[in-house]
Structure formats: structure tokens, C-alpha cells
Amino acid sequence: MITPEQVKKYIEAGMACEHVEVSGDGHHFEAVIVSAAFNGKRKVQQHQVVYQALGDRMREEIHALSMQTLTPEEWAAR
């Protein structure tokens, strides 16, 4: 079974991130992802960037991923 730490490493390996938090039970995961790659993109486009970073793992290993994507500026303003 895949762990939240593995999902975090997959995301970090696939894209430049300033901050990543992942929690979950091995099937369903929640993530907070902060990346400059999200600048100028709508939420749907930001999520697509993450899905691209995860590639086939989204179909094969990760059954559900709920994510909050933020630019560094949005993260700093929290």
C-alpha cells in the first residue's frame, strides 16, 4: 500500500514545489501543494500540473487525491 510520504515524494520529484503536505489512508489522499508553477493558472490547470507530475501513478497506485494548490504568494498570505 502506498503511503502519504511516497505520494509527497512523487509530487516533489515530478515538479518544483516550495511546500508539500500529504495525508491519507493508503487509498484516499489529501495534499497541500505550493509551487511557482501555478502562477497565472486557474485551479483546474494547477491540478493538471500535479496530475502530470504523478503520471500513471494516479491510475495505478493513487485512487483518490484531493488537493489544495497555492502559489507562493497565496501560501504566504495565509
N, C-alpha and C. Protein backbone atom coordinates (compact mmCIF):
# COMPACT_ATOMS: atom_id res chain seq x y z
N MET A 1 0.84 -1.19 0.00
CA MET A 1 0.00 0.00 0.00
C MET A 1 0.88 1.24 0.00
N ILE A 2 0.48 2.22 -0.76
CA ILE A 2 1.24 3.46 -0.88
C ILE A 2 1.01 4.35 0.35
N THR A 3 2.05 5.05 0.77
CA THR A 3 1.96 5.90 1.95
C THR A 3 1.88 7.37 1.54
N PRO A 4 1.38 8.23 2.44
CA PRO A 4 1.38 9.67 2.15
C PRO A 4 2.79 10.19 1.83
N GLU A 5 3.80 9.67 2.52
CA GLU A 5 5.17 10.12 2.27
C GLU A 5 5.61 9.78 0.84
N GLN A 6 5.19 8.62 0.34
CA GLN A 6 5.53 8.26 -1.05
C GLN A 6 4.84 9.21 -2.03
N VAL A 7 3.59 9.53 -1.78
CA VAL A 7 2.87 10.46 -2.66
C VAL A 7 3.57 11.81 -2.67
N LYS A 8 3.99 12.25 -1.49
CA LYS A 8 4.72 13.52 -1.37
C LYS A 8 5.99 13.48 -2.22
N LYS A 9 6.74 12.40 -2.11
CA LYS A 9 7.98 12.26 -2.88
C LYS A 9 7.71 12.23 -4.39
N TYR A 10 6.64 11.56 -4.79
CA TYR A 10 6.28 11.52 -6.22
C TYR A 10 5.99 12.93 -6.74
N ILE A 11 5.24 13.71 -5.96
CA ILE A 11 4.90 15.08 -6.38
C ILE A 11 6.17 15.91 -6.47
N GLU A 12 7.01 15.84 -5.44
CA GLU A 12 8.24 16.63 -5.42
C GLU A 12 9.20 16.23 -6.53
N ALA A 13 9.20 14.96 -6.91
CA ALA A 13 10.08 14.51 -7.98
C ALA A 13 9.58 14.95 -9.35
N GLY A 14 8.28 15.16 -9.47
CA GLY A 14 7.70 15.48 -10.76
C GLY A 14 7.54 16.95 -11.06
N MET A 15 7.69 17.79 -10.03
CA MET A 15 7.53 19.24 -10.25
C MET A 15 8.25 20.01 -9.15
N ALA A 16 8.58 21.25 -9.45
CA ALA A 16 9.24 22.11 -8.47
C ALA A 16 8.19 22.61 -7.47
N CYS A 17 8.42 22.32 -6.21
CA CYS A 17 7.48 22.73 -5.16
C CYS A 17 8.22 23.46 -4.05
N GLU A 18 7.52 24.41 -3.46
CA GLU A 18 8.08 25.09 -2.31
C GLU A 18 7.63 24.44 -1.01
N HIS A 19 6.47 23.78 -1.08
CA HIS A 19 5.91 23.14 0.11
C HIS A 19 4.93 22.06 -0.33
N VAL A 20 4.99 20.90 0.31
CA VAL A 20 4.04 19.82 0.03
C VAL A 20 3.69 19.13 1.34
N GLU A 21 2.41 18.98 1.61
CA GLU A 21 1.91 18.20 2.74
C GLU A 21 0.96 17.17 2.17
N VAL A 22 1.09 15.93 2.59
CA VAL A 22 0.17 14.88 2.13
C VAL A 22 -0.25 14.05 3.34
N SER A 23 -1.54 13.79 3.43
CA SER A 23 -2.06 12.87 4.44
C SER A 23 -3.00 11.91 3.74
N GLY A 24 -3.30 10.80 4.39
CA GLY A 24 -4.22 9.86 3.79
C GLY A 24 -4.11 8.48 4.39
N ASP A 25 -4.95 7.57 3.88
CA ASP A 25 -5.06 6.24 4.45
C ASP A 25 -4.53 5.12 3.55
N GLY A 26 -3.82 5.48 2.49
CA GLY A 26 -3.30 4.47 1.58
C GLY A 26 -4.11 4.34 0.31
N HIS A 27 -5.34 4.83 0.34
CA HIS A 27 -6.21 4.81 -0.84
C HIS A 27 -6.67 6.22 -1.22
N HIS A 28 -7.02 6.98 -0.20
CA HIS A 28 -7.50 8.35 -0.40
C HIS A 28 -6.51 9.30 0.27
N PHE A 29 -6.12 10.33 -0.49
CA PHE A 29 -5.11 11.26 0.00
C PHE A 29 -5.58 12.69 -0.12
N GLU A 30 -5.07 13.53 0.77
CA GLU A 30 -5.29 14.97 0.72
C GLU A 30 -3.91 15.63 0.66
N ALA A 31 -3.79 16.64 -0.19
CA ALA A 31 -2.49 17.30 -0.35
C ALA A 31 -2.65 18.82 -0.38
N VAL A 32 -1.66 19.48 0.18
CA VAL A 32 -1.49 20.93 0.03
C VAL A 32 -0.18 21.09 -0.73
N ILE A 33 -0.25 21.75 -1.88
CA ILE A 33 0.92 21.88 -2.74
C ILE A 33 1.13 23.34 -3.07
N VAL A 34 2.33 23.83 -2.80
CA VAL A 34 2.69 25.22 -3.09
C VAL A 34 3.79 25.21 -4.16
N SER A 35 3.53 25.88 -5.28
CA SER A 35 4.50 25.90 -6.36
C SER A 35 4.36 27.15 -7.21
N ALA A 36 5.50 27.69 -7.62
CA ALA A 36 5.51 28.82 -8.55
C ALA A 36 4.97 28.40 -9.92
N ALA A 37 4.96 27.10 -10.19
CA ALA A 37 4.43 26.59 -11.46
C ALA A 37 2.94 26.89 -11.59
N PHE A 38 2.27 27.22 -10.49
CA PHE A 38 0.84 27.52 -10.51
C PHE A 38 0.54 28.97 -10.85
N ASN A 39 1.56 29.82 -10.87
CA ASN A 39 1.35 31.24 -11.16
C ASN A 39 0.65 31.42 -12.50
N GLY A 40 -0.42 32.22 -12.51
CA GLY A 40 -1.13 32.53 -13.74
C GLY A 40 -2.04 31.44 -14.25
N LYS A 41 -2.18 30.36 -13.49
CA LYS A 41 -3.03 29.24 -13.93
C LYS A 41 -4.30 29.20 -13.08
N ARG A 42 -5.40 28.76 -13.70
CA ARG A 42 -6.63 28.53 -12.96
C ARG A 42 -6.48 27.24 -12.16
N LYS A 43 -7.36 27.02 -11.20
CA LYS A 43 -7.28 25.83 -10.33
C LYS A 43 -7.26 24.54 -11.15
N VAL A 44 -8.10 24.44 -12.15
CA VAL A 44 -8.13 23.23 -12.98
C VAL A 44 -6.77 22.99 -13.63
N GLN A 45 -6.16 24.05 -14.13
CA GLN A 45 -4.84 23.93 -14.75
C GLN A 45 -3.78 23.56 -13.72
N GLN A 46 -3.89 24.11 -12.51
CA GLN A 46 -2.95 23.78 -11.44
C GLN A 46 -3.03 22.30 -11.10
N HIS A 47 -4.25 21.79 -11.02
CA HIS A 47 -4.44 20.36 -10.71
C HIS A 47 -3.89 19.49 -11.83
N GLN A 48 -4.04 19.95 -13.07
CA GLN A 48 -3.49 19.20 -14.20
C GLN A 48 -1.97 19.10 -14.11
N VAL A 49 -1.31 20.16 -13.63
CA VAL A 49 0.14 20.13 -13.45
C VAL A 49 0.52 19.01 -12.45
N VAL A 50 -0.24 18.91 -11.38
CA VAL A 50 0.03 17.87 -10.38
C VAL A 50 -0.23 16.48 -10.97
N TYR A 51 -1.35 16.33 -11.69
CA TYR A 51 -1.66 15.04 -12.31
C TYR A 51 -0.56 14.63 -13.29
N GLN A 52 -0.02 15.59 -14.03
CA GLN A 52 1.07 15.29 -14.95
C GLN A 52 2.30 14.82 -14.17
N ALA A 53 2.57 15.47 -13.05
CA ALA A 53 3.72 15.09 -12.22
C ALA A 53 3.57 13.66 -11.70
N LEU A 54 2.34 13.26 -11.39
CA LEU A 54 2.10 11.92 -10.86
C LEU A 54 1.99 10.87 -11.96
N GLY A 55 1.64 11.29 -13.16
CA GLY A 55 1.57 10.38 -14.30
C GLY A 55 0.67 9.18 -14.07
N ASP A 56 1.14 8.01 -14.45
CA ASP A 56 0.36 6.77 -14.35
C ASP A 56 0.06 6.36 -12.92
N ARG A 57 0.78 6.93 -11.97
CA ARG A 57 0.53 6.58 -10.57
C ARG A 57 -0.90 6.94 -10.16
N MET A 58 -1.48 7.97 -10.81
CA MET A 58 -2.86 8.35 -10.48
C MET A 58 -3.82 7.21 -10.82
N ARG A 59 -3.55 6.46 -11.83
CA ARG A 59 -4.44 5.35 -12.21
C ARG A 59 -4.08 4.07 -11.48
N GLU A 60 -2.80 3.86 -11.25
CA GLU A 60 -2.34 2.57 -10.75
C GLU A 60 -2.20 2.48 -9.23
N GLU A 61 -1.74 3.55 -8.60
CA GLU A 61 -1.44 3.48 -7.17
C GLU A 61 -2.32 4.38 -6.32
N ILE A 62 -2.65 5.56 -6.83
CA ILE A 62 -3.39 6.56 -6.06
C ILE A 62 -4.83 6.55 -6.56
N HIS A 63 -5.75 6.17 -5.70
CA HIS A 63 -7.14 6.03 -6.13
C HIS A 63 -7.91 7.34 -6.02
N ALA A 64 -7.55 8.17 -5.07
CA ALA A 64 -8.24 9.45 -4.92
C ALA A 64 -7.26 10.46 -4.31
N LEU A 65 -7.23 11.64 -4.89
CA LEU A 65 -6.37 12.71 -4.39
C LEU A 65 -7.15 14.00 -4.38
N SER A 66 -7.37 14.52 -3.20
CA SER A 66 -7.98 15.83 -3.03
C SER A 66 -6.84 16.80 -2.79
N MET A 67 -6.79 17.88 -3.53
CA MET A 67 -5.65 18.78 -3.36
C MET A 67 -6.05 20.24 -3.27
N GLN A 68 -5.25 20.96 -2.51
CA GLN A 68 -5.32 22.41 -2.44
C GLN A 68 -4.02 22.91 -3.05
N THR A 69 -4.13 23.63 -4.15
CA THR A 69 -2.94 24.15 -4.83
C THR A 69 -2.86 25.65 -4.60
N LEU A 70 -1.66 26.10 -4.29
CA LEU A 70 -1.43 27.51 -3.97
C LEU A 70 -0.14 28.00 -4.60
N THR A 71 -0.14 29.26 -5.02
CA THR A 71 1.10 29.90 -5.44
C THR A 71 1.86 30.29 -4.17
N PRO A 72 3.14 30.57 -4.28
CA PRO A 72 3.90 31.01 -3.10
C PRO A 72 3.28 32.25 -2.46
N GLU A 73 2.76 33.15 -3.27
CA GLU A 73 2.14 34.37 -2.73
C GLU A 73 0.87 34.04 -1.95
N GLU A 74 0.05 33.12 -2.47
CA GLU A 74 -1.16 32.71 -1.76
C GLU A 74 -0.81 32.02 -0.44
N TRP A 75 0.24 31.20 -0.47
CA TRP A 75 0.68 30.49 0.73
C TRP A 75 1.16 31.47 1.79
N ALA A 76 1.91 32.49 1.37
CA ALA A 76 2.44 33.48 2.31
C ALA A 76 1.34 34.32 2.93
N ALA A 77 0.24 34.51 2.21
CA ALA A 77 -0.86 35.34 2.68
C ALA A 77 -1.79 34.59 3.65
N ARG A 78 -1.58 33.30 3.82
CA ARG A 78 -2.47 32.51 4.68
C ARG A 78 -2.30 32.86 6.14
